[in-house]
Amino acid sequence: MTLAVWFGFLLAAIVIAVTPGPGAVISMSTGLRHGYGTALVTILGLQAALLTQLLIVALGLGALLATSEMAFSVIKFLGAAYLLWLGIQKWRSPVVPLDANVPATSCKGAFMQGILVNLTNPKAVIFIGALVPQFVDPAQPQAPQYLVIALTLCLTDMLVMSGYALTAARLGRWLRDPRSIRVQNRFFGGLFVSAGALLAISSRSS
């Protein structure tokens, strides 16, 4: 992969990362409620799912997902159901001030949330499957190129998601009264439900 090709892929990776989606929502929600440390664990979960999706594309399974209506629908509705569940849980969260003794989310739980949010989005696999091969030179060894692509995607996404989480964590200092906390619970709950609904009604081409 030449420097010019890599730079083109980097620009594409930045555009993908900054486009708001379920990953941004979970990063901001976790950062706001539990701080950047817990949000970082969630972000690492997002990257683990991203690497899994990239591996699926590298093995050629992304094409199968793109052509199999049943496989796409099963993963799509599982992802939509999970996002809807997160939204309902967030909407119904108790109104607890941020400086109160709030039970911390376990690292395992935060990591698994990140994995599930990204992994149950079949459109991500199809999108990566459409984008990545354009930057891979078939005449050159594949493994080093996919390694560069994986590092670029993950590092870019980590930086962007960290920006979302840190911004939310800083804003959280101003949300100490019950009314503000109720508003943010319902705001993020609504975002999760909206993301789940959009995923449920989406098609492979949209």
N, C-alpha and C. Protein backbone atom coordinates (compact mmCIF):
# COMPACT_ATOMS: atom_id res chain seq x y z
N MET A 1 0.85 -1.20 0.00
CA MET A 1 0.00 0.00 0.00
C MET A 1 0.88 1.24 0.00
N THR A 2 0.71 2.07 -1.02
CA THR A 2 1.50 3.29 -1.11
C THR A 2 1.00 4.33 -0.11
N LEU A 3 1.82 5.36 0.10
CA LEU A 3 1.44 6.42 1.04
C LEU A 3 0.19 7.15 0.55
N ALA A 4 0.10 7.37 -0.76
CA ALA A 4 -1.06 8.07 -1.31
C ALA A 4 -2.34 7.26 -1.10
N VAL A 5 -2.27 5.95 -1.31
CA VAL A 5 -3.44 5.09 -1.11
C VAL A 5 -3.82 5.06 0.37
N TRP A 6 -2.80 4.98 1.23
CA TRP A 6 -3.09 4.96 2.66
C TRP A 6 -3.74 6.27 3.11
N PHE A 7 -3.26 7.39 2.58
CA PHE A 7 -3.84 8.68 2.96
C PHE A 7 -5.30 8.76 2.52
N GLY A 8 -5.59 8.23 1.34
CA GLY A 8 -6.98 8.19 0.89
C GLY A 8 -7.84 7.34 1.80
N PHE A 9 -7.31 6.21 2.25
CA PHE A 9 -8.06 5.36 3.17
C PHE A 9 -8.24 6.04 4.53
N LEU A 10 -7.21 6.76 4.98
CA LEU A 10 -7.29 7.48 6.25
C LEU A 10 -8.44 8.50 6.21
N LEU A 11 -8.54 9.23 5.11
CA LEU A 11 -9.62 10.20 4.98
C LEU A 11 -10.99 9.50 5.03
N ALA A 12 -11.08 8.35 4.36
CA ALA A 12 -12.34 7.59 4.39
C ALA A 12 -12.64 7.11 5.80
N ALA A 13 -11.61 6.64 6.52
CA ALA A 13 -11.79 6.16 7.89
C ALA A 13 -12.26 7.27 8.82
N ILE A 14 -11.74 8.49 8.61
CA ILE A 14 -12.16 9.63 9.44
C ILE A 14 -13.63 9.95 9.20
N VAL A 15 -14.02 9.94 7.92
CA VAL A 15 -15.42 10.22 7.60
C VAL A 15 -16.34 9.18 8.24
N ILE A 16 -15.93 7.90 8.16
CA ILE A 16 -16.73 6.83 8.76
C ILE A 16 -16.86 7.03 10.26
N ALA A 17 -15.73 7.38 10.91
CA ALA A 17 -15.72 7.48 12.37
C ALA A 17 -16.56 8.66 12.87
N VAL A 18 -16.46 9.81 12.20
CA VAL A 18 -17.15 11.00 12.71
C VAL A 18 -18.63 10.99 12.39
N THR A 19 -19.07 10.12 11.47
CA THR A 19 -20.49 10.03 11.17
C THR A 19 -21.21 9.45 12.39
N PRO A 20 -22.16 10.19 12.98
CA PRO A 20 -22.83 9.71 14.20
C PRO A 20 -23.55 8.38 13.96
N GLY A 21 -23.41 7.50 14.92
CA GLY A 21 -24.06 6.19 14.85
C GLY A 21 -24.17 5.59 16.23
N PRO A 22 -24.56 4.32 16.34
CA PRO A 22 -24.69 3.69 17.66
C PRO A 22 -23.40 3.72 18.48
N GLY A 23 -22.24 3.61 17.81
CA GLY A 23 -20.98 3.65 18.54
C GLY A 23 -20.76 4.98 19.22
N ALA A 24 -21.09 6.07 18.52
CA ALA A 24 -20.96 7.40 19.12
C ALA A 24 -21.94 7.57 20.28
N VAL A 25 -23.14 7.04 20.13
CA VAL A 25 -24.15 7.17 21.18
C VAL A 25 -23.71 6.43 22.44
N ILE A 26 -23.23 5.19 22.29
CA ILE A 26 -22.82 4.43 23.47
C ILE A 26 -21.58 5.04 24.12
N SER A 27 -20.69 5.62 23.31
CA SER A 27 -19.49 6.28 23.86
C SER A 27 -19.88 7.50 24.68
N MET A 28 -20.78 8.33 24.13
CA MET A 28 -21.20 9.53 24.85
C MET A 28 -22.01 9.18 26.10
N SER A 29 -22.91 8.23 25.97
CA SER A 29 -23.75 7.85 27.10
C SER A 29 -22.92 7.31 28.26
N THR A 30 -21.96 6.44 27.94
CA THR A 30 -21.11 5.87 28.99
C THR A 30 -20.19 6.92 29.59
N GLY A 31 -19.64 7.79 28.75
CA GLY A 31 -18.77 8.86 29.25
C GLY A 31 -19.52 9.80 30.17
N LEU A 32 -20.76 10.13 29.82
CA LEU A 32 -21.56 11.05 30.61
C LEU A 32 -21.92 10.46 31.97
N ARG A 33 -22.27 9.17 31.98
CA ARG A 33 -22.76 8.57 33.22
C ARG A 33 -21.63 8.02 34.10
N HIS A 34 -20.58 7.46 33.49
CA HIS A 34 -19.57 6.75 34.27
C HIS A 34 -18.15 7.29 34.09
N GLY A 35 -17.96 8.30 33.24
CA GLY A 35 -16.63 8.87 33.05
C GLY A 35 -15.88 8.23 31.91
N TYR A 36 -14.75 8.85 31.56
CA TYR A 36 -14.01 8.41 30.38
C TYR A 36 -13.37 7.04 30.56
N GLY A 37 -12.96 6.70 31.79
CA GLY A 37 -12.31 5.41 32.01
C GLY A 37 -13.20 4.25 31.59
N THR A 38 -14.45 4.26 32.02
CA THR A 38 -15.38 3.21 31.63
C THR A 38 -15.72 3.29 30.16
N ALA A 39 -15.85 4.54 29.66
CA ALA A 39 -16.15 4.72 28.23
C ALA A 39 -15.03 4.15 27.37
N LEU A 40 -13.79 4.27 27.83
CA LEU A 40 -12.66 3.74 27.06
C LEU A 40 -12.77 2.23 26.92
N VAL A 41 -13.22 1.56 27.98
CA VAL A 41 -13.42 0.10 27.90
C VAL A 41 -14.48 -0.23 26.86
N THR A 42 -15.57 0.56 26.85
CA THR A 42 -16.61 0.37 25.85
C THR A 42 -16.05 0.60 24.45
N ILE A 43 -15.22 1.62 24.29
CA ILE A 43 -14.62 1.93 22.99
C ILE A 43 -13.71 0.79 22.53
N LEU A 44 -13.00 0.17 23.46
CA LEU A 44 -12.18 -1.00 23.11
C LEU A 44 -13.06 -2.15 22.63
N GLY A 45 -14.25 -2.28 23.22
CA GLY A 45 -15.20 -3.28 22.75
C GLY A 45 -15.65 -2.98 21.33
N LEU A 46 -15.87 -1.70 21.03
CA LEU A 46 -16.22 -1.31 19.67
C LEU A 46 -15.13 -1.71 18.68
N GLN A 47 -13.87 -1.55 19.10
CA GLN A 47 -12.76 -1.89 18.20
C GLN A 47 -12.63 -3.40 18.02
N ALA A 48 -12.92 -4.16 19.07
CA ALA A 48 -12.88 -5.62 18.95
C ALA A 48 -13.91 -6.08 17.91
N ALA A 49 -15.09 -5.46 17.93
CA ALA A 49 -16.11 -5.81 16.95
C ALA A 49 -15.69 -5.36 15.55
N LEU A 50 -15.05 -4.20 15.48
CA LEU A 50 -14.59 -3.69 14.18
C LEU A 50 -13.55 -4.62 13.56
N LEU A 51 -12.65 -5.13 14.39
CA LEU A 51 -11.65 -6.07 13.89
C LEU A 51 -12.31 -7.37 13.43
N THR A 52 -13.34 -7.80 14.16
CA THR A 52 -14.06 -9.01 13.76
C THR A 52 -14.74 -8.80 12.41
N GLN A 53 -15.35 -7.64 12.23
CA GLN A 53 -16.00 -7.32 10.96
C GLN A 53 -14.99 -7.27 9.81
N LEU A 54 -13.82 -6.71 10.09
CA LEU A 54 -12.78 -6.64 9.07
C LEU A 54 -12.29 -8.04 8.71
N LEU A 55 -12.17 -8.90 9.71
CA LEU A 55 -11.76 -10.29 9.46
C LEU A 55 -12.80 -11.00 8.60
N ILE A 56 -14.08 -10.74 8.88
CA ILE A 56 -15.15 -11.34 8.06
C ILE A 56 -15.00 -10.93 6.61
N VAL A 57 -14.70 -9.65 6.38
CA VAL A 57 -14.51 -9.16 5.02
C VAL A 57 -13.28 -9.79 4.39
N ALA A 58 -12.18 -9.88 5.15
CA ALA A 58 -10.94 -10.43 4.62
C ALA A 58 -11.10 -11.90 4.23
N LEU A 59 -11.95 -12.62 4.96
CA LEU A 59 -12.18 -14.03 4.66
C LEU A 59 -13.21 -14.24 3.55
N GLY A 60 -13.79 -13.15 3.09
CA GLY A 60 -14.76 -13.25 2.01
C GLY A 60 -16.18 -13.51 2.47
N LEU A 61 -16.41 -13.54 3.79
CA LEU A 61 -17.75 -13.81 4.29
C LEU A 61 -18.66 -12.60 4.19
N GLY A 62 -18.05 -11.42 4.03
CA GLY A 62 -18.85 -10.22 3.88
C GLY A 62 -19.72 -10.28 2.64
N ALA A 63 -19.18 -10.89 1.57
CA ALA A 63 -19.96 -11.03 0.33
C ALA A 63 -21.17 -11.93 0.56
N LEU A 64 -21.00 -12.96 1.39
CA LEU A 64 -22.11 -13.85 1.70
C LEU A 64 -23.21 -13.11 2.44
N LEU A 65 -22.81 -12.28 3.40
CA LEU A 65 -23.77 -11.50 4.16
C LEU A 65 -24.49 -10.51 3.26
N ALA A 66 -23.76 -9.98 2.29
CA ALA A 66 -24.35 -9.00 1.38
C ALA A 66 -25.37 -9.63 0.45
N THR A 67 -25.22 -10.92 0.16
CA THR A 67 -26.12 -11.58 -0.80
C THR A 67 -27.19 -12.44 -0.13
N SER A 68 -27.01 -12.78 1.14
CA SER A 68 -27.98 -13.63 1.83
C SER A 68 -28.98 -12.76 2.59
N GLU A 69 -30.20 -12.75 2.12
CA GLU A 69 -31.25 -11.96 2.76
C GLU A 69 -31.53 -12.45 4.17
N MET A 70 -31.52 -13.77 4.37
CA MET A 70 -31.81 -14.33 5.68
C MET A 70 -30.73 -13.96 6.70
N ALA A 71 -29.46 -14.14 6.32
CA ALA A 71 -28.36 -13.82 7.24
C ALA A 71 -28.38 -12.34 7.61
N PHE A 72 -28.60 -11.50 6.60
CA PHE A 72 -28.65 -10.06 6.85
C PHE A 72 -29.79 -9.72 7.80
N SER A 73 -30.97 -10.29 7.55
CA SER A 73 -32.15 -9.97 8.35
C SER A 73 -32.00 -10.43 9.80
N VAL A 74 -31.44 -11.63 10.00
CA VAL A 74 -31.28 -12.15 11.35
C VAL A 74 -30.37 -11.24 12.17
N ILE A 75 -29.21 -10.89 11.61
CA ILE A 75 -28.27 -10.03 12.34
C ILE A 75 -28.86 -8.64 12.52
N LYS A 76 -29.55 -8.15 11.50
CA LYS A 76 -30.14 -6.81 11.57
C LYS A 76 -31.15 -6.71 12.70
N PHE A 77 -32.05 -7.69 12.80
CA PHE A 77 -33.08 -7.61 13.82
C PHE A 77 -32.53 -7.88 15.22
N LEU A 78 -31.50 -8.70 15.33
CA LEU A 78 -30.82 -8.87 16.62
C LEU A 78 -30.20 -7.55 17.06
N GLY A 79 -29.54 -6.87 16.13
CA GLY A 79 -28.94 -5.58 16.45
C GLY A 79 -29.97 -4.54 16.82
N ALA A 80 -31.08 -4.49 16.06
CA ALA A 80 -32.14 -3.54 16.34
C ALA A 80 -32.75 -3.79 17.72
N ALA A 81 -32.98 -5.07 18.04
CA ALA A 81 -33.56 -5.42 19.33
C ALA A 81 -32.63 -5.02 20.48
N TYR A 82 -31.33 -5.22 20.28
CA TYR A 82 -30.37 -4.86 21.34
C TYR A 82 -30.34 -3.35 21.56
N LEU A 83 -30.36 -2.56 20.46
CA LEU A 83 -30.37 -1.11 20.58
C LEU A 83 -31.66 -0.62 21.25
N LEU A 84 -32.78 -1.23 20.90
CA LEU A 84 -34.05 -0.87 21.53
C LEU A 84 -34.02 -1.18 23.02
N TRP A 85 -33.45 -2.33 23.37
CA TRP A 85 -33.33 -2.70 24.78
C TRP A 85 -32.47 -1.69 25.54
N LEU A 86 -31.34 -1.29 24.94
CA LEU A 86 -30.49 -0.29 25.57
C LEU A 86 -31.24 1.03 25.76
N GLY A 87 -32.03 1.40 24.74
CA GLY A 87 -32.79 2.64 24.82
C GLY A 87 -33.81 2.62 25.94
N ILE A 88 -34.53 1.51 26.07
CA ILE A 88 -35.54 1.40 27.14
C ILE A 88 -34.87 1.43 28.51
N GLN A 89 -33.75 0.72 28.63
CA GLN A 89 -33.02 0.73 29.90
C GLN A 89 -32.54 2.13 30.26
N LYS A 90 -32.04 2.85 29.27
CA LYS A 90 -31.55 4.21 29.52
C LYS A 90 -32.70 5.13 29.87
N TRP A 91 -33.81 5.02 29.15
CA TRP A 91 -34.98 5.86 29.40
C TRP A 91 -35.50 5.67 30.83
N ARG A 92 -35.44 4.41 31.30
CA ARG A 92 -35.98 4.09 32.62
C ARG A 92 -34.93 4.19 33.73
N SER A 93 -33.73 4.66 33.40
CA SER A 93 -32.67 4.76 34.42
C SER A 93 -33.12 5.68 35.55
N PRO A 94 -32.77 5.34 36.78
CA PRO A 94 -33.14 6.19 37.92
C PRO A 94 -32.45 7.55 37.84
N VAL A 95 -33.13 8.56 38.35
CA VAL A 95 -32.58 9.92 38.34
C VAL A 95 -31.65 10.06 39.54
N VAL A 96 -30.36 9.76 39.30
CA VAL A 96 -29.35 9.78 40.36
C VAL A 96 -28.31 10.84 40.01
N PRO A 97 -28.03 11.81 40.90
CA PRO A 97 -27.01 12.82 40.60
C PRO A 97 -25.67 12.19 40.29
N LEU A 98 -24.90 12.85 39.42
CA LEU A 98 -23.62 12.29 39.01
C LEU A 98 -22.60 12.24 40.13
N ASP A 99 -22.78 13.06 41.17
CA ASP A 99 -21.82 13.04 42.27
C ASP A 99 -22.28 12.09 43.38
N ALA A 100 -23.38 11.36 43.15
CA ALA A 100 -23.84 10.38 44.14
C ALA A 100 -23.05 9.09 43.98
N ASN A 101 -23.29 8.16 44.90
CA ASN A 101 -22.58 6.89 44.86
C ASN A 101 -23.24 5.96 43.85
N VAL A 102 -22.94 6.19 42.56
CA VAL A 102 -23.55 5.40 41.49
C VAL A 102 -22.75 4.12 41.30
N PRO A 103 -23.40 2.96 41.30
CA PRO A 103 -22.68 1.71 41.06
C PRO A 103 -21.97 1.75 39.72
N ALA A 104 -20.70 1.41 39.72
CA ALA A 104 -19.93 1.45 38.48
C ALA A 104 -20.30 0.29 37.58
N THR A 105 -20.28 0.57 36.28
CA THR A 105 -20.48 -0.50 35.32
C THR A 105 -19.22 -1.35 35.28
N SER A 106 -19.35 -2.67 35.30
CA SER A 106 -18.17 -3.53 35.28
C SER A 106 -17.45 -3.40 33.95
N CYS A 107 -16.13 -3.63 33.98
CA CYS A 107 -15.34 -3.55 32.76
C CYS A 107 -15.84 -4.56 31.73
N LYS A 108 -16.19 -5.75 32.21
CA LYS A 108 -16.69 -6.78 31.30
C LYS A 108 -17.99 -6.34 30.65
N GLY A 109 -18.89 -5.76 31.46
CA GLY A 109 -20.16 -5.30 30.93
C GLY A 109 -19.99 -4.19 29.92
N ALA A 110 -19.10 -3.23 30.22
CA ALA A 110 -18.86 -2.11 29.30
C ALA A 110 -18.23 -2.61 28.00
N PHE A 111 -17.30 -3.55 28.11
CA PHE A 111 -16.63 -4.09 26.93
C PHE A 111 -17.63 -4.85 26.05
N MET A 112 -18.49 -5.66 26.68
CA MET A 112 -19.47 -6.43 25.92
C MET A 112 -20.50 -5.53 25.25
N GLN A 113 -20.87 -4.43 25.91
CA GLN A 113 -21.80 -3.49 25.27
C GLN A 113 -21.20 -2.94 23.99
N GLY A 114 -19.91 -2.57 24.06
CA GLY A 114 -19.25 -2.06 22.87
C GLY A 114 -19.21 -3.09 21.75
N ILE A 115 -18.89 -4.33 22.09
CA ILE A 115 -18.84 -5.39 21.08
C ILE A 115 -20.21 -5.59 20.43
N LEU A 116 -21.24 -5.70 21.26
CA LEU A 116 -22.58 -6.01 20.73
C LEU A 116 -23.14 -4.88 19.89
N VAL A 117 -22.88 -3.62 20.29
CA VAL A 117 -23.40 -2.50 19.52
C VAL A 117 -22.84 -2.50 18.09
N ASN A 118 -21.55 -2.77 17.94
CA ASN A 118 -20.95 -2.77 16.61
C ASN A 118 -21.17 -4.10 15.87
N LEU A 119 -21.11 -5.20 16.60
CA LEU A 119 -21.13 -6.51 15.95
C LEU A 119 -22.50 -6.85 15.39
N THR A 120 -23.56 -6.30 15.97
CA THR A 120 -24.91 -6.62 15.50
C THR A 120 -25.41 -5.63 14.47
N ASN A 121 -24.49 -4.97 13.78
CA ASN A 121 -24.86 -4.05 12.70
C ASN A 121 -24.34 -4.62 11.38
N PRO A 122 -25.16 -5.37 10.64
CA PRO A 122 -24.67 -5.99 9.40
C PRO A 122 -24.30 -4.99 8.33
N LYS A 123 -24.89 -3.80 8.39
CA LYS A 123 -24.57 -2.78 7.40
C LYS A 123 -23.10 -2.36 7.49
N ALA A 124 -22.52 -2.47 8.71
CA ALA A 124 -21.11 -2.11 8.88
C ALA A 124 -20.23 -3.08 8.10
N VAL A 125 -20.56 -4.37 8.16
CA VAL A 125 -19.78 -5.37 7.42
C VAL A 125 -19.88 -5.11 5.92
N ILE A 126 -21.09 -4.82 5.46
CA ILE A 126 -21.28 -4.58 4.03
C ILE A 126 -20.55 -3.31 3.60
N PHE A 127 -20.60 -2.29 4.45
CA PHE A 127 -19.93 -1.03 4.12
C PHE A 127 -18.42 -1.24 4.07
N ILE A 128 -17.88 -1.93 5.06
CA ILE A 128 -16.45 -2.22 5.06
C ILE A 128 -16.09 -3.08 3.86
N GLY A 129 -16.97 -4.05 3.54
CA GLY A 129 -16.73 -4.91 2.39
C GLY A 129 -16.70 -4.16 1.08
N ALA A 130 -17.48 -3.07 1.00
CA ALA A 130 -17.49 -2.26 -0.22
C ALA A 130 -16.31 -1.30 -0.27
N LEU A 131 -15.83 -0.87 0.90
CA LEU A 131 -14.77 0.14 0.95
C LEU A 131 -13.37 -0.46 0.90
N VAL A 132 -13.12 -1.43 1.78
CA VAL A 132 -11.75 -1.93 1.99
C VAL A 132 -11.11 -2.49 0.72
N PRO A 133 -11.80 -3.35 -0.06
CA PRO A 133 -11.14 -3.93 -1.23
C PRO A 133 -10.61 -2.90 -2.23
N GLN A 134 -11.18 -1.70 -2.24
CA GLN A 134 -10.72 -0.66 -3.15
C GLN A 134 -9.31 -0.18 -2.82
N PHE A 135 -8.88 -0.41 -1.58
CA PHE A 135 -7.57 0.06 -1.15
C PHE A 135 -6.56 -1.09 -1.01
N VAL A 136 -6.96 -2.29 -1.39
CA VAL A 136 -6.07 -3.45 -1.30
C VAL A 136 -5.56 -3.80 -2.69
N ASP A 137 -4.25 -3.86 -2.81
CA ASP A 137 -3.62 -4.22 -4.09
C ASP A 137 -3.53 -5.75 -4.17
N PRO A 138 -4.28 -6.38 -5.08
CA PRO A 138 -4.27 -7.84 -5.16
C PRO A 138 -2.93 -8.42 -5.59
N ALA A 139 -2.07 -7.58 -6.18
CA ALA A 139 -0.77 -8.06 -6.63
C ALA A 139 0.26 -8.09 -5.50
N GLN A 140 -0.09 -7.50 -4.38
CA GLN A 140 0.82 -7.45 -3.23
C GLN A 140 0.32 -8.38 -2.13
N PRO A 141 1.21 -8.76 -1.18
CA PRO A 141 0.78 -9.60 -0.06
C PRO A 141 -0.41 -8.98 0.68
N GLN A 142 -1.42 -9.80 0.98
CA GLN A 142 -2.66 -9.29 1.56
C GLN A 142 -2.54 -8.98 3.06
N ALA A 143 -1.86 -9.84 3.79
CA ALA A 143 -1.83 -9.69 5.25
C ALA A 143 -1.28 -8.34 5.71
N PRO A 144 -0.13 -7.86 5.18
CA PRO A 144 0.37 -6.55 5.63
C PRO A 144 -0.59 -5.42 5.31
N GLN A 145 -1.26 -5.51 4.17
CA GLN A 145 -2.21 -4.45 3.80
C GLN A 145 -3.41 -4.43 4.74
N TYR A 146 -3.94 -5.60 5.07
CA TYR A 146 -5.06 -5.66 6.00
C TYR A 146 -4.65 -5.23 7.41
N LEU A 147 -3.40 -5.48 7.77
CA LEU A 147 -2.90 -5.03 9.07
C LEU A 147 -2.88 -3.51 9.15
N VAL A 148 -2.38 -2.87 8.09
CA VAL A 148 -2.36 -1.40 8.03
C VAL A 148 -3.77 -0.85 8.08
N ILE A 149 -4.67 -1.47 7.33
CA ILE A 149 -6.07 -1.04 7.31
C ILE A 149 -6.70 -1.18 8.69
N ALA A 150 -6.44 -2.31 9.35
CA ALA A 150 -7.02 -2.54 10.69
C ALA A 150 -6.52 -1.50 11.69
N LEU A 151 -5.22 -1.25 11.68
CA LEU A 151 -4.65 -0.25 12.60
C LEU A 151 -5.21 1.13 12.32
N THR A 152 -5.34 1.47 11.05
CA THR A 152 -5.86 2.79 10.69
C THR A 152 -7.30 2.96 11.12
N LEU A 153 -8.13 1.95 10.82
CA LEU A 153 -9.55 2.02 11.20
C LEU A 153 -9.71 2.13 12.71
N CYS A 154 -9.01 1.26 13.45
CA CYS A 154 -9.19 1.21 14.90
C CYS A 154 -8.66 2.46 15.59
N LEU A 155 -7.47 2.91 15.21
CA LEU A 155 -6.90 4.10 15.85
C LEU A 155 -7.74 5.33 15.56
N THR A 156 -8.21 5.46 14.31
CA THR A 156 -9.06 6.59 13.96
C THR A 156 -10.35 6.56 14.74
N ASP A 157 -10.98 5.39 14.79
CA ASP A 157 -12.25 5.26 15.50
C ASP A 157 -12.07 5.49 17.00
N MET A 158 -10.98 4.99 17.56
CA MET A 158 -10.72 5.20 18.98
C MET A 158 -10.58 6.68 19.31
N LEU A 159 -9.86 7.41 18.48
CA LEU A 159 -9.66 8.84 18.73
C LEU A 159 -10.99 9.60 18.64
N VAL A 160 -11.77 9.28 17.63
CA VAL A 160 -13.05 9.98 17.46
C VAL A 160 -14.02 9.63 18.58
N MET A 161 -14.15 8.34 18.90
CA MET A 161 -15.04 7.93 19.98
C MET A 161 -14.58 8.49 21.33
N SER A 162 -13.27 8.58 21.51
CA SER A 162 -12.74 9.18 22.75
C SER A 162 -13.12 10.65 22.82
N GLY A 163 -13.09 11.33 21.69
CA GLY A 163 -13.52 12.72 21.66
C GLY A 163 -14.97 12.87 22.07
N TYR A 164 -15.82 12.00 21.55
CA TYR A 164 -17.24 12.01 21.94
C TYR A 164 -17.38 11.76 23.45
N ALA A 165 -16.67 10.74 23.95
CA ALA A 165 -16.80 10.35 25.36
C ALA A 165 -16.26 11.44 26.29
N LEU A 166 -15.11 12.03 25.95
CA LEU A 166 -14.53 13.07 26.79
C LEU A 166 -15.41 14.31 26.83
N THR A 167 -15.98 14.66 25.68
CA THR A 167 -16.89 15.80 25.64
C THR A 167 -18.09 15.56 26.54
N ALA A 168 -18.66 14.36 26.45
CA ALA A 168 -19.81 14.02 27.28
C ALA A 168 -19.44 14.01 28.76
N ALA A 169 -18.24 13.48 29.08
CA ALA A 169 -17.81 13.42 30.47
C ALA A 169 -17.65 14.82 31.06
N ARG A 170 -17.15 15.75 30.26
CA ARG A 170 -17.01 17.13 30.73
C ARG A 170 -18.37 17.79 30.91
N LEU A 171 -19.28 17.53 30.00
CA LEU A 171 -20.62 18.09 30.12
C LEU A 171 -21.33 17.52 31.35
N GLY A 172 -20.95 16.30 31.71
CA GLY A 172 -21.61 15.65 32.84
C GLY A 172 -21.43 16.41 34.15
N ARG A 173 -20.37 17.19 34.25
CA ARG A 173 -20.14 17.96 35.48
C ARG A 173 -21.23 18.99 35.71
N TRP A 174 -21.90 19.39 34.63
CA TRP A 174 -22.94 20.40 34.76
C TRP A 174 -24.33 19.78 34.97
N LEU A 175 -24.42 18.47 34.89
CA LEU A 175 -25.72 17.80 35.02
C LEU A 175 -25.84 17.16 36.40
N ARG A 176 -26.19 17.97 37.36
CA ARG A 176 -26.28 17.47 38.73
C ARG A 176 -27.70 17.53 39.30
N ASP A 177 -28.57 18.28 38.66
CA ASP A 177 -29.94 18.35 39.18
C ASP A 177 -30.80 17.27 38.53
N PRO A 178 -31.82 16.78 39.24
CA PRO A 178 -32.64 15.67 38.74
C PRO A 178 -33.26 15.93 37.37
N ARG A 179 -33.70 17.16 37.12
CA ARG A 179 -34.35 17.43 35.84
C ARG A 179 -33.37 17.24 34.68
N SER A 180 -32.14 17.73 34.83
CA SER A 180 -31.14 17.59 33.77
C SER A 180 -30.79 16.12 33.54
N ILE A 181 -30.70 15.36 34.63
CA ILE A 181 -30.36 13.94 34.51
C ILE A 181 -31.48 13.18 33.81
N ARG A 182 -32.73 13.52 34.15
CA ARG A 182 -33.86 12.89 33.48
C ARG A 182 -33.85 13.19 31.99
N VAL A 183 -33.51 14.44 31.64
CA VAL A 183 -33.46 14.84 30.23
C VAL A 183 -32.39 14.06 29.49
N GLN A 184 -31.19 13.93 30.09
CA GLN A 184 -30.12 13.21 29.38
C GLN A 184 -30.42 11.72 29.29
N ASN A 185 -31.06 11.14 30.32
CA ASN A 185 -31.46 9.73 30.24
C ASN A 185 -32.41 9.50 29.07
N ARG A 186 -33.38 10.39 28.94
CA ARG A 186 -34.37 10.22 27.88
C ARG A 186 -33.81 10.62 26.51
N PHE A 187 -32.87 11.55 26.50
CA PHE A 187 -32.24 11.93 25.24
C PHE A 187 -31.47 10.75 24.65
N PHE A 188 -30.60 10.13 25.46
CA PHE A 188 -29.82 9.01 24.97
C PHE A 188 -30.70 7.77 24.78
N GLY A 189 -31.71 7.60 25.63
CA GLY A 189 -32.65 6.50 25.41
C GLY A 189 -33.35 6.64 24.08
N GLY A 190 -33.76 7.88 23.76
CA GLY A 190 -34.39 8.13 22.48
C GLY A 190 -33.46 7.88 21.31
N LEU A 191 -32.18 8.24 21.48
CA LEU A 191 -31.20 8.01 20.41
C LEU A 191 -31.02 6.51 20.15
N PHE A 192 -30.92 5.73 21.22
CA PHE A 192 -30.77 4.28 21.05
C PHE A 192 -32.00 3.68 20.36
N VAL A 193 -33.18 4.09 20.80
CA VAL A 193 -34.41 3.57 20.19
C VAL A 193 -34.49 3.98 18.73
N SER A 194 -34.13 5.23 18.43
CA SER A 194 -34.15 5.70 17.04
C SER A 194 -33.17 4.91 16.18
N ALA A 195 -31.97 4.67 16.73
CA ALA A 195 -30.97 3.90 15.98
C ALA A 195 -31.46 2.48 15.74
N GLY A 196 -32.11 1.88 16.75
CA GLY A 196 -32.64 0.54 16.59
C GLY A 196 -33.75 0.49 15.56
N ALA A 197 -34.63 1.49 15.59
CA ALA A 197 -35.73 1.53 14.62
C ALA A 197 -35.21 1.72 13.20
N LEU A 198 -34.23 2.60 13.04
CA LEU A 198 -33.66 2.83 11.71
C LEU A 198 -32.98 1.57 11.18
N LEU A 199 -32.27 0.86 12.07
CA LEU A 199 -31.63 -0.38 11.65
C LEU A 199 -32.67 -1.42 11.26
N ALA A 200 -33.78 -1.48 12.01
CA ALA A 200 -34.81 -2.49 11.73
C ALA A 200 -35.48 -2.28 10.38
N ILE A 201 -35.64 -1.02 9.96
CA ILE A 201 -36.33 -0.75 8.70
C ILE A 201 -35.37 -0.57 7.52
N SER A 202 -34.05 -0.70 7.80
CA SER A 202 -33.07 -0.46 6.76
C SER A 202 -32.99 -1.67 5.83
N SER A 203 -32.45 -1.41 4.65
CA SER A 203 -32.17 -2.48 3.70
C SER A 203 -30.68 -2.46 3.39
N ARG A 204 -30.21 -3.47 2.69
CA ARG A 204 -28.77 -3.55 2.40
C ARG A 204 -28.31 -2.41 1.52
N SER A 205 -29.19 -1.87 0.70
CA SER A 205 -28.79 -0.82 -0.24
C SER A 205 -28.95 0.57 0.32
N SER A 206 -29.64 0.71 1.47
CA SER A 206 -29.89 2.04 2.02
C SER A 206 -28.84 2.42 3.04
